[in-house]
Amino acid sequence: MDVKQWVDNWQKVGSILEQRENESLRSPDYQEGLKNLTPIFHWVCAHAEPRETSGLVEQQRFFAKIRKQMETENS
């Protein structure tokens, strides 16, 4: 197969694939999505460890660290 034929084929196939993707985005199958996610939710619930904090303090500590790094880089 030469390059021109290869490009022509991809142009045809590309528009078909794009059309299928657009159709699937316009009408998603929520039931199928939930069916696929259900085992993941069950695994997370079974393996999640209770937290003693909301994580807000750790998040603020992380932001402060990043801010300090940015200030050091910009000086």
N, C-alpha and C. Protein backbone atom coordinates (compact mmCIF):
# COMPACT_ATOMS: atom_id res chain seq x y z
N MET A 1 0.86 -1.17 0.00
CA MET A 1 0.00 0.00 0.00
C MET A 1 0.91 1.23 0.00
N ASP A 2 0.63 2.16 -0.91
CA ASP A 2 1.45 3.35 -0.96
C ASP A 2 0.93 4.40 0.03
N VAL A 3 1.71 5.44 0.23
CA VAL A 3 1.39 6.46 1.23
C VAL A 3 0.09 7.18 0.90
N LYS A 4 -0.11 7.49 -0.36
CA LYS A 4 -1.34 8.20 -0.75
C LYS A 4 -2.57 7.36 -0.43
N GLN A 5 -2.53 6.10 -0.72
CA GLN A 5 -3.65 5.21 -0.43
C GLN A 5 -3.86 5.10 1.08
N TRP A 6 -2.76 5.02 1.82
CA TRP A 6 -2.84 4.93 3.27
C TRP A 6 -3.51 6.18 3.85
N VAL A 7 -3.10 7.36 3.36
CA VAL A 7 -3.68 8.62 3.83
C VAL A 7 -5.16 8.69 3.46
N ASP A 8 -5.50 8.29 2.24
CA ASP A 8 -6.90 8.31 1.82
C ASP A 8 -7.75 7.41 2.71
N ASN A 9 -7.23 6.23 3.02
CA ASN A 9 -7.97 5.30 3.89
C ASN A 9 -8.20 5.92 5.27
N TRP A 10 -7.17 6.53 5.84
CA TRP A 10 -7.31 7.12 7.17
C TRP A 10 -8.26 8.31 7.16
N GLN A 11 -8.30 9.04 6.06
CA GLN A 11 -9.26 10.15 5.97
C GLN A 11 -10.69 9.62 6.00
N LYS A 12 -10.93 8.53 5.30
CA LYS A 12 -12.27 7.93 5.31
C LYS A 12 -12.59 7.34 6.67
N VAL A 13 -11.68 6.55 7.19
CA VAL A 13 -11.91 5.90 8.48
C VAL A 13 -11.98 6.93 9.60
N GLY A 14 -11.15 7.97 9.53
CA GLY A 14 -11.13 8.99 10.57
C GLY A 14 -12.48 9.67 10.72
N SER A 15 -13.13 9.98 9.61
CA SER A 15 -14.44 10.64 9.70
C SER A 15 -15.50 9.69 10.27
N ILE A 16 -15.40 8.42 9.94
CA ILE A 16 -16.34 7.43 10.50
C ILE A 16 -16.12 7.29 11.99
N LEU A 17 -14.87 7.19 12.42
CA LEU A 17 -14.56 7.07 13.85
C LEU A 17 -15.00 8.32 14.61
N GLU A 18 -14.78 9.48 14.02
CA GLU A 18 -15.19 10.73 14.67
C GLU A 18 -16.71 10.78 14.83
N GLN A 19 -17.43 10.35 13.82
CA GLN A 19 -18.89 10.33 13.87
C GLN A 19 -19.37 9.39 14.98
N ARG A 20 -18.76 8.21 15.08
CA ARG A 20 -19.15 7.25 16.13
C ARG A 20 -18.86 7.81 17.52
N GLU A 21 -17.72 8.46 17.66
CA GLU A 21 -17.37 9.05 18.96
C GLU A 21 -18.36 10.15 19.33
N ASN A 22 -18.70 11.00 18.37
CA ASN A 22 -19.67 12.07 18.64
C ASN A 22 -21.02 11.50 19.03
N GLU A 23 -21.45 10.44 18.38
CA GLU A 23 -22.73 9.81 18.71
C GLU A 23 -22.70 9.24 20.13
N SER A 24 -21.58 8.62 20.49
CA SER A 24 -21.50 8.03 21.83
C SER A 24 -21.46 9.12 22.90
N LEU A 25 -20.89 10.28 22.58
CA LEU A 25 -20.87 11.38 23.55
C LEU A 25 -22.24 12.04 23.69
N ARG A 26 -23.01 12.04 22.61
CA ARG A 26 -24.34 12.64 22.66
C ARG A 26 -25.34 11.75 23.41
N SER A 27 -25.15 10.46 23.37
CA SER A 27 -26.10 9.57 24.05
C SER A 27 -25.34 8.48 24.81
N PRO A 28 -24.72 8.87 25.94
CA PRO A 28 -23.94 7.88 26.69
C PRO A 28 -24.84 6.82 27.31
N ASP A 29 -24.29 5.65 27.47
CA ASP A 29 -25.01 4.54 28.10
C ASP A 29 -24.65 4.54 29.58
N TYR A 30 -25.47 5.24 30.37
CA TYR A 30 -25.18 5.38 31.79
C TYR A 30 -25.26 4.04 32.52
N GLN A 31 -26.17 3.19 32.13
CA GLN A 31 -26.29 1.89 32.78
C GLN A 31 -25.02 1.06 32.59
N GLU A 32 -24.48 1.10 31.39
CA GLU A 32 -23.24 0.36 31.11
C GLU A 32 -22.08 0.95 31.92
N GLY A 33 -22.04 2.27 32.00
CA GLY A 33 -21.00 2.92 32.79
C GLY A 33 -21.08 2.54 34.26
N LEU A 34 -22.28 2.56 34.82
CA LEU A 34 -22.45 2.18 36.22
C LEU A 34 -22.09 0.72 36.44
N LYS A 35 -22.44 -0.11 35.48
CA LYS A 35 -22.11 -1.53 35.60
C LYS A 35 -20.60 -1.72 35.65
N ASN A 36 -19.88 -0.94 34.88
CA ASN A 36 -18.42 -1.04 34.86
C ASN A 36 -17.79 -0.46 36.12
N LEU A 37 -18.41 0.57 36.70
CA LEU A 37 -17.84 1.22 37.87
C LEU A 37 -18.19 0.53 39.19
N THR A 38 -19.26 -0.23 39.21
CA THR A 38 -19.71 -0.85 40.46
C THR A 38 -18.63 -1.69 41.13
N PRO A 39 -17.91 -2.57 40.42
CA PRO A 39 -16.87 -3.34 41.11
C PRO A 39 -15.77 -2.45 41.70
N ILE A 40 -15.47 -1.34 41.03
CA ILE A 40 -14.45 -0.42 41.54
C ILE A 40 -14.93 0.21 42.84
N PHE A 41 -16.19 0.65 42.89
CA PHE A 41 -16.73 1.23 44.11
C PHE A 41 -16.70 0.23 45.26
N HIS A 42 -17.07 -1.01 44.96
CA HIS A 42 -17.05 -2.04 46.00
C HIS A 42 -15.64 -2.27 46.52
N TRP A 43 -14.66 -2.29 45.63
CA TRP A 43 -13.27 -2.50 46.05
C TRP A 43 -12.81 -1.36 46.94
N VAL A 44 -13.12 -0.12 46.53
CA VAL A 44 -12.70 1.05 47.31
C VAL A 44 -13.33 1.00 48.70
N CYS A 45 -14.61 0.69 48.77
CA CYS A 45 -15.27 0.63 50.08
C CYS A 45 -14.67 -0.46 50.95
N ALA A 46 -14.30 -1.57 50.37
CA ALA A 46 -13.74 -2.67 51.15
C ALA A 46 -12.32 -2.38 51.61
N HIS A 47 -11.57 -1.56 50.88
CA HIS A 47 -10.16 -1.34 51.18
C HIS A 47 -9.85 0.06 51.73
N ALA A 48 -10.84 0.91 51.81
CA ALA A 48 -10.60 2.27 52.29
C ALA A 48 -10.33 2.26 53.79
N GLU A 49 -9.36 3.06 54.18
CA GLU A 49 -9.07 3.21 55.60
C GLU A 49 -9.70 4.50 56.10
N PRO A 50 -10.29 4.46 57.28
CA PRO A 50 -10.92 5.68 57.81
C PRO A 50 -9.86 6.76 58.03
N ARG A 51 -10.23 7.98 57.76
CA ARG A 51 -9.32 9.10 57.94
C ARG A 51 -9.66 9.83 59.24
N GLU A 52 -8.63 10.34 59.86
CA GLU A 52 -8.84 11.10 61.08
C GLU A 52 -9.03 12.59 60.80
N THR A 53 -8.63 13.03 59.61
CA THR A 53 -8.80 14.43 59.23
C THR A 53 -9.42 14.49 57.84
N SER A 54 -9.81 15.70 57.46
CA SER A 54 -10.38 15.90 56.13
C SER A 54 -9.30 16.01 55.07
N GLY A 55 -8.05 16.22 55.52
CA GLY A 55 -6.96 16.40 54.57
C GLY A 55 -6.68 17.86 54.25
N LEU A 56 -7.51 18.76 54.81
CA LEU A 56 -7.35 20.18 54.50
C LEU A 56 -6.01 20.72 55.00
N VAL A 57 -5.59 20.31 56.20
CA VAL A 57 -4.31 20.78 56.74
C VAL A 57 -3.17 20.32 55.85
N GLU A 58 -3.21 19.04 55.42
CA GLU A 58 -2.16 18.52 54.54
C GLU A 58 -2.16 19.25 53.20
N GLN A 59 -3.36 19.55 52.70
CA GLN A 59 -3.46 20.26 51.43
C GLN A 59 -2.83 21.65 51.56
N GLN A 60 -3.13 22.36 52.66
CA GLN A 60 -2.57 23.70 52.85
C GLN A 60 -1.05 23.63 53.00
N ARG A 61 -0.55 22.59 53.67
CA ARG A 61 0.89 22.41 53.82
C ARG A 61 1.53 22.21 52.44
N PHE A 62 0.88 21.42 51.60
CA PHE A 62 1.38 21.18 50.24
C PHE A 62 1.39 22.48 49.43
N PHE A 63 0.31 23.25 49.51
CA PHE A 63 0.25 24.52 48.78
C PHE A 63 1.34 25.47 49.25
N ALA A 64 1.58 25.52 50.55
CA ALA A 64 2.64 26.39 51.08
C ALA A 64 4.00 25.97 50.55
N LYS A 65 4.24 24.67 50.47
CA LYS A 65 5.50 24.16 49.95
C LYS A 65 5.68 24.55 48.49
N ILE A 66 4.64 24.38 47.70
CA ILE A 66 4.69 24.74 46.28
C ILE A 66 4.91 26.25 46.12
N ARG A 67 4.18 27.05 46.93
CA ARG A 67 4.32 28.50 46.85
C ARG A 67 5.77 28.90 47.16
N LYS A 68 6.35 28.29 48.19
CA LYS A 68 7.73 28.60 48.55
C LYS A 68 8.69 28.24 47.41
N GLN A 69 8.47 27.09 46.77
CA GLN A 69 9.30 26.68 45.64
C GLN A 69 9.19 27.68 44.50
N MET A 70 7.96 28.11 44.23
CA MET A 70 7.74 29.06 43.13
C MET A 70 8.41 30.40 43.43
N GLU A 71 8.33 30.85 44.69
CA GLU A 71 8.96 32.11 45.06
C GLU A 71 10.48 32.01 44.92
N THR A 72 11.04 30.86 45.29
CA THR A 72 12.49 30.64 45.17
C THR A 72 12.91 30.65 43.70
N GLU A 73 12.11 30.02 42.84
CA GLU A 73 12.45 29.96 41.41
C GLU A 73 12.33 31.32 40.76
N ASN A 74 11.38 32.13 41.22
CA ASN A 74 11.14 33.45 40.59
C ASN A 74 12.04 34.55 41.14
N SER A 75 12.84 34.25 42.17
CA SER A 75 13.72 35.29 42.73
C SER A 75 15.02 35.38 41.99
